[in-house]
Amino acid sequence: MVTKSLELIFDFGSPNAYLAMKALPDLLDRTGADLVITPCLLGGIFKATGNKAPMVQYADAPAKLAYENLEMRRFIARHGLTRFRLNPHFPVNTLLIMRGAIVAEDEGLLDDYVDAVNRAMWEEGLKMDDAEVVTSFLSANGFDGPALLARTQEPDIKARLVQNTEAAVARGVFGIPTFFVGDEMFFGKDRLGQVEEALLG
């Protein structure tokens, strides 16, 4: 059997990306797929595509926004994601921590970095667009915080995040989480059933 890859277009700014990632381990076990995380900047995707966050997009449609929140609560309950908390600083500017993800990827630490920063954002409620908070958190969680943040200012690191984002938009991405199985695109945490079918197909 050929192992398939599941690509996740990812930014820490999406609570739904956190929720989807927490539901992925069982899916990956069932399908035998490998997860590939592609760090992108959600703000850049929105700007390029004209998309908006649900809280903005549905601000004048309270029933739609209420339903979006209901679906989130259902997903949380279905998967037992009791540690999830909406970040009190939301929306958080994720530019710094997404550049950090590129650094972590470059150093072979992306999976651990994503796990840690997801926890900071959506379990501990930290203000992760504050460089001092980020440095302190990373240092307390097994990373060299000052060194990692220093590397976020490298031109190549900045350029790679831009390139990832532009490439995602060119493939049709308009929001996060977006999944790819080969060339097939699936948007949102509620498409995981279709993602699983594609991986098993």
Foldseek 3Di string as FASTA:
>chain_A
DDAFEKEWEDFLQDPQQLLLVLVCPVLCVVLVHHYHYQYAAQVLLCVVPVDDDCCVVCVVPVVVSVVVVVVVVVSCVVSVVVQFDQQPPPNARRLQLSLLLLLCVVVVRNVVSCVQVNCVVTRVNDRVNDLVRQLVSQVVRPHNSVVSSVCSPDPVSSVSNVVSHVVCVVLPDRGPGWMDGDSDIDDTSVCVVVVSVSSND
